[in-house]
């Protein structure tokens, strides 16, 4: 497989990471595109001694850090303005390290190479991130999941974090009714529901009137939402998941509570 094909294979995951990091599909994709442009201009960014995925993410961080890691070009008027002000109070590289560890499942050694710190520092950054992100606003979370045990597991995780669960919906109809009855601050949704209805369509319907609600999709079929051919969620977790992944994604999503994560 050529290097370009190997990079293309990893690109959907870089885009997922970039969107989670910025809280915006549009901004995250701009950073992913800038990374590819930087690689075309300087092929040395892809060190032959490391894997293409590691090289791609490290190149991304070269671009990210060079530009000062802004959330949006115009934070004074954009929905991400609140997140921009919160970011100023966070320790440098903490959210990056947390997402690389929990969302992309890099080892601490890989994280150290990506953000250019020692392995011990990478571990410390993740620990600090959990402490700082736990200070995010707590709120009401709606769960859309047709598998009872998974739904209860998710509910247990988020309630232990201090959030309130508004309810659990198993179908498109139940999800829309629940969301209209009690407006959530965050939606956690599967994409394939009990009656063969679509969690994506249910979420899109809920966001028509509440476009600022952040969404996390938890699915066994991530490739269906990482195509690049249609609006994609900023937060996407693959089943089977670890508790750490859910905790991290919820903290990130609540942090960007004023950011639209899926455009209908």
Protein backbone atom coordinates (compact mmCIF):
# COMPACT_ATOMS: atom_id res chain seq x y z
CA UNK A 1 0.00 0.00 0.00
CA UNK A 2 1.40 3.41 -0.97
CA UNK A 3 2.00 6.09 1.63
CA UNK A 4 -0.84 8.22 0.24
CA UNK A 5 -3.24 5.27 0.54
CA UNK A 6 -2.08 4.56 4.10
CA UNK A 7 -2.62 8.21 5.03
CA UNK A 8 -6.06 8.19 3.38
CA UNK A 9 -6.99 5.17 5.48
CA UNK A 10 -6.23 7.07 8.71
CA UNK A 11 -7.70 10.42 7.63
CA UNK A 12 -11.27 9.79 8.90
CA UNK A 13 -9.88 9.27 12.41
CA UNK A 14 -7.79 12.43 12.23
CA UNK A 15 -10.93 14.31 11.20
CA UNK A 16 -12.85 12.77 14.11
CA UNK A 17 -10.11 13.84 16.52
CA UNK A 18 -9.86 17.35 15.04
CA UNK A 19 -13.61 17.90 15.34
CA UNK A 20 -13.66 16.68 18.93
CA UNK A 21 -10.70 18.90 19.76
CA UNK A 22 -12.23 22.05 18.25
CA UNK A 23 -15.87 21.25 19.01
CA UNK A 24 -16.78 22.04 15.40
CA UNK A 25 -17.02 19.93 12.26
CA UNK A 26 -16.12 22.86 10.03
CA UNK A 27 -13.15 24.05 12.07
CA UNK A 28 -11.85 20.54 12.68
CA UNK A 29 -11.97 19.73 8.98
CA UNK A 30 -10.07 22.93 8.20
CA UNK A 31 -7.25 21.78 10.47
CA UNK A 32 -7.23 18.32 8.90
CA UNK A 33 -6.99 19.90 5.44
CA UNK A 34 -4.20 22.22 6.61
CA UNK A 35 -2.32 19.18 7.88
CA UNK A 36 -2.46 17.50 4.47
CA UNK A 37 -1.26 20.71 2.82
CA UNK A 38 1.65 20.91 5.25
CA UNK A 39 2.62 17.30 4.50
CA UNK A 40 2.56 17.96 0.75
CA UNK A 41 4.90 20.91 1.26
CA UNK A 42 7.21 19.09 3.65
CA UNK A 43 7.30 15.30 3.38
CA UNK A 44 9.76 15.12 6.29
CA UNK A 45 6.75 15.61 8.59
CA UNK A 46 6.05 11.92 7.98
CA UNK A 47 9.00 10.31 9.74
CA UNK A 48 9.76 6.91 8.18
CA UNK A 49 10.58 5.52 11.63
CA UNK A 50 6.98 5.80 12.85
CA UNK A 51 3.62 4.56 11.57
CA UNK A 52 1.65 6.65 9.06
CA UNK A 53 -1.08 7.24 11.66
CA UNK A 54 1.39 8.47 14.23
CA UNK A 55 3.08 10.67 11.63
CA UNK A 56 -0.25 12.09 10.49
CA UNK A 57 -1.32 13.02 14.00
CA UNK A 58 2.10 14.48 14.80
CA UNK A 59 1.94 16.59 11.64
CA UNK A 60 -1.51 17.77 12.74
CA UNK A 61 -0.08 18.92 16.05
CA UNK A 62 2.70 20.81 14.31
CA UNK A 63 0.01 22.78 12.47
CA UNK A 64 -2.22 23.03 15.55
CA UNK A 65 0.50 24.43 17.80
CA UNK A 66 1.92 26.73 15.12
CA UNK A 67 -1.44 28.47 14.72
CA UNK A 68 -1.92 28.89 18.45
CA UNK A 69 -4.72 26.29 18.67
CA UNK A 70 -7.66 28.67 18.11
CA UNK A 71 -11.19 27.27 18.23
CA UNK A 72 -12.62 29.59 15.62
CA UNK A 73 -11.45 32.41 13.35
CA UNK A 74 -14.02 34.82 14.82
CA UNK A 75 -14.78 33.82 18.41
CA UNK A 76 -16.47 37.13 19.17
CA UNK A 77 -19.49 36.17 17.10
CA UNK A 78 -19.25 32.38 16.67
CA UNK A 79 -21.11 29.77 18.77
CA UNK A 80 -17.70 28.59 20.00
CA UNK A 81 -17.06 31.89 21.81
CA UNK A 82 -17.87 30.38 25.20
CA UNK A 83 -15.55 27.46 24.56
CA UNK A 84 -12.78 29.84 23.46
CA UNK A 85 -12.91 31.65 26.79
CA UNK A 86 -12.89 28.36 28.71
CA UNK A 87 -9.91 27.08 26.73
CA UNK A 88 -7.80 29.97 27.96
CA UNK A 89 -8.04 28.57 31.49
CA UNK A 90 -6.89 25.03 30.64
CA UNK A 91 -3.36 23.69 30.96
CA UNK A 92 -1.62 23.46 27.56
CA UNK A 93 -1.94 20.09 25.79
CA UNK A 94 -4.23 18.54 28.42
CA UNK A 95 -7.32 18.13 26.23
CA UNK A 96 -5.15 17.01 23.34
CA UNK A 97 -3.55 14.30 25.47
CA UNK A 98 -6.91 13.20 26.85
CA UNK A 99 -8.52 12.85 23.43
CA UNK A 100 -5.52 11.06 21.97
CA UNK A 101 -5.67 8.59 24.84
CA UNK A 102 -9.41 8.06 25.26
CA UNK A 103 -10.86 8.69 21.79
CA UNK A 104 -8.05 7.50 19.51
CA UNK A 105 -6.58 5.00 22.01
CA UNK A 106 -2.94 5.95 21.51
CA UNK A 107 -0.44 4.68 24.08
CA UNK A 108 1.25 7.21 26.36
CA UNK A 109 4.42 6.63 24.37
CA UNK A 110 2.62 7.52 21.13
CA UNK A 111 1.05 10.60 22.72
CA UNK A 112 4.50 11.71 23.85
CA UNK A 113 5.73 11.53 20.24
CA UNK A 114 2.67 13.30 18.84
CA UNK A 115 2.75 16.33 21.13
CA UNK A 116 6.52 16.24 21.72
CA UNK A 117 6.70 15.62 25.47
CA UNK A 118 8.06 12.79 27.61
CA UNK A 119 5.94 9.72 28.30
CA UNK A 120 5.69 10.69 31.98
CA UNK A 121 4.50 14.16 30.98
CA UNK A 122 1.89 12.62 28.67
CA UNK A 123 0.47 10.62 31.58
CA UNK A 124 0.43 13.70 33.78
CA UNK A 125 -1.36 15.74 31.08
CA UNK A 126 -4.16 13.16 30.88
CA UNK A 127 -4.53 13.20 34.66
CA UNK A 128 -4.70 17.00 34.72
CA UNK A 129 -7.23 16.97 31.90
CA UNK A 130 -9.65 14.81 33.85
CA UNK A 131 -9.40 17.18 36.80
CA UNK A 132 -9.90 20.31 34.73
CA UNK A 133 -12.62 18.95 32.47
CA UNK A 134 -14.58 17.69 35.48
CA UNK A 135 -15.19 21.34 36.30
CA UNK A 136 -17.28 21.67 33.13
CA UNK A 137 -20.91 22.58 33.56
CA UNK A 138 -23.13 19.65 34.51
CA UNK A 139 -26.49 19.18 32.90
CA UNK A 140 -29.27 16.98 31.56
CA UNK A 141 -28.42 14.11 29.21
CA UNK A 142 -30.77 12.17 26.93
CA UNK A 143 -29.79 8.61 26.01
CA UNK A 144 -30.96 7.01 22.74
CA UNK A 145 -30.00 3.34 22.90
CA UNK A 146 -32.00 0.17 22.21
CA UNK A 147 -29.78 -2.30 24.12
CA UNK A 148 -30.91 -2.18 27.79
CA UNK A 149 -27.60 -3.19 29.36
CA UNK A 150 -25.61 -0.69 27.32
CA UNK A 151 -28.15 2.04 28.07
CA UNK A 152 -27.92 1.36 31.81
CA UNK A 153 -24.13 1.29 31.64
CA UNK A 154 -24.08 4.70 29.95
CA UNK A 155 -26.59 6.04 32.45
CA UNK A 156 -24.44 4.86 35.34
CA UNK A 157 -21.33 6.51 33.91
CA UNK A 158 -22.90 9.92 33.31
CA UNK A 159 -24.82 10.02 36.61
CA UNK A 160 -21.60 9.25 38.47
CA UNK A 161 -20.15 12.30 36.70
CA UNK A 162 -22.90 14.40 38.25
CA UNK A 163 -25.20 14.70 35.23
CA UNK A 164 -28.96 14.09 35.21
CA UNK A 165 -30.41 11.59 32.71
CA UNK A 166 -33.73 12.82 31.28
CA UNK A 167 -34.62 9.34 30.03
CA UNK A 168 -33.70 6.45 27.75
CA UNK A 169 -35.32 6.08 24.31
CA UNK A 170 -35.21 2.87 22.23
CA UNK A 171 -36.77 4.12 18.97
CA UNK A 172 -36.89 7.21 16.77
CA UNK A 173 -40.42 8.03 17.96
CA UNK A 174 -39.53 7.65 21.64
CA UNK A 175 -36.38 9.75 21.18
CA UNK A 176 -38.20 12.67 19.59
CA UNK A 177 -41.00 12.57 22.15
CA UNK A 178 -38.53 12.48 25.05
CA UNK A 179 -36.44 15.30 23.63
CA UNK A 180 -39.47 17.48 23.04
CA UNK A 181 -40.79 16.79 26.52
CA UNK A 182 -37.53 17.61 28.32
CA UNK A 183 -34.86 19.56 26.47
CA UNK A 184 -31.46 17.93 27.12
CA UNK A 185 -28.10 19.69 27.34
CA UNK A 186 -26.46 16.72 25.61
CA UNK A 187 -27.61 13.70 23.58
CA UNK A 188 -25.90 10.30 23.63
CA UNK A 189 -27.20 8.21 20.72
CA UNK A 190 -26.80 4.91 18.92
CA UNK A 191 -27.41 5.00 15.15
CA UNK A 192 -29.36 1.73 14.74
CA UNK A 193 -32.42 1.46 16.99
CA UNK A 194 -34.83 -1.26 18.13
CA UNK A 195 -37.45 -0.91 15.38
CA UNK A 196 -34.81 -0.53 12.66
CA UNK A 197 -35.27 3.23 12.82
CA UNK A 198 -32.31 5.61 12.65
CA UNK A 199 -30.78 7.34 15.65
CA UNK A 200 -29.14 9.78 13.24
CA UNK A 201 -32.53 10.79 11.86
CA UNK A 202 -33.98 11.10 15.36
CA UNK A 203 -31.13 13.37 16.40
CA UNK A 204 -31.43 15.45 13.24
CA UNK A 205 -35.15 15.96 13.95
CA UNK A 206 -34.43 17.04 17.53
CA UNK A 207 -31.76 19.48 16.35
CA UNK A 208 -34.06 21.24 13.91
CA UNK A 209 -35.48 23.24 16.81
CA UNK A 210 -32.48 22.93 19.17
CA UNK A 211 -29.42 23.18 16.95
CA UNK A 212 -27.06 24.07 19.81
CA UNK A 213 -27.41 20.71 21.63
CA UNK A 214 -24.14 18.73 21.41
CA UNK A 215 -24.37 15.08 20.34
CA UNK A 216 -22.22 12.02 20.97
CA UNK A 217 -22.84 8.98 18.80
CA UNK A 218 -21.91 5.59 20.30
CA UNK A 219 -22.06 2.93 17.60
CA UNK A 220 -20.67 -0.37 16.39
CA UNK A 221 -20.71 1.08 12.87
CA UNK A 222 -18.47 4.19 12.96
CA UNK A 223 -17.72 3.90 9.25
CA UNK A 224 -21.32 4.96 8.56
CA UNK A 225 -20.60 8.35 10.11
CA UNK A 226 -16.99 8.81 8.95
CA UNK A 227 -17.59 8.93 5.22
CA UNK A 228 -16.87 12.61 4.63
CA UNK A 229 -19.87 12.63 2.29
CA UNK A 230 -22.44 14.08 4.68
CA UNK A 231 -22.54 16.07 7.93
CA UNK A 232 -20.68 14.16 10.61
CA UNK A 233 -20.80 14.35 14.41
CA UNK A 234 -17.97 16.01 16.29
CA UNK A 235 -18.06 13.25 18.92
CA UNK A 236 -18.08 9.58 17.92
CA UNK A 237 -17.34 6.54 20.11
CA UNK A 238 -17.00 3.00 18.77
CA UNK A 239 -18.66 0.02 20.47
CA UNK A 240 -17.54 -1.82 22.48
CA UNK A 241 -16.41 1.19 24.48
CA UNK A 242 -14.47 1.79 27.67
CA UNK A 243 -15.84 3.93 30.51
CA UNK A 244 -12.89 6.30 30.04
CA UNK A 245 -13.99 6.99 26.46
CA UNK A 246 -17.52 7.93 27.51
CA UNK A 247 -16.34 10.11 30.38
CA UNK A 248 -13.90 11.93 28.13
CA UNK A 249 -16.39 12.49 25.31
CA UNK A 250 -19.11 13.71 27.68
CA UNK A 251 -16.71 16.14 29.34
CA UNK A 252 -15.55 17.44 25.96
CA UNK A 253 -19.09 17.77 24.62
CA UNK A 254 -20.34 19.60 27.71
CA UNK A 255 -17.30 21.84 27.46
CA UNK A 256 -18.46 22.79 23.98
CA UNK A 257 -22.10 22.91 25.06
CA UNK A 258 -22.85 25.89 22.79
CA UNK A 259 -21.47 24.22 19.65
CA UNK A 260 -23.64 22.51 17.05
CA UNK A 261 -22.20 19.02 16.45
CA UNK A 262 -24.45 17.74 13.70
CA UNK A 263 -25.98 19.78 10.92
CA UNK A 264 -29.32 18.47 9.67
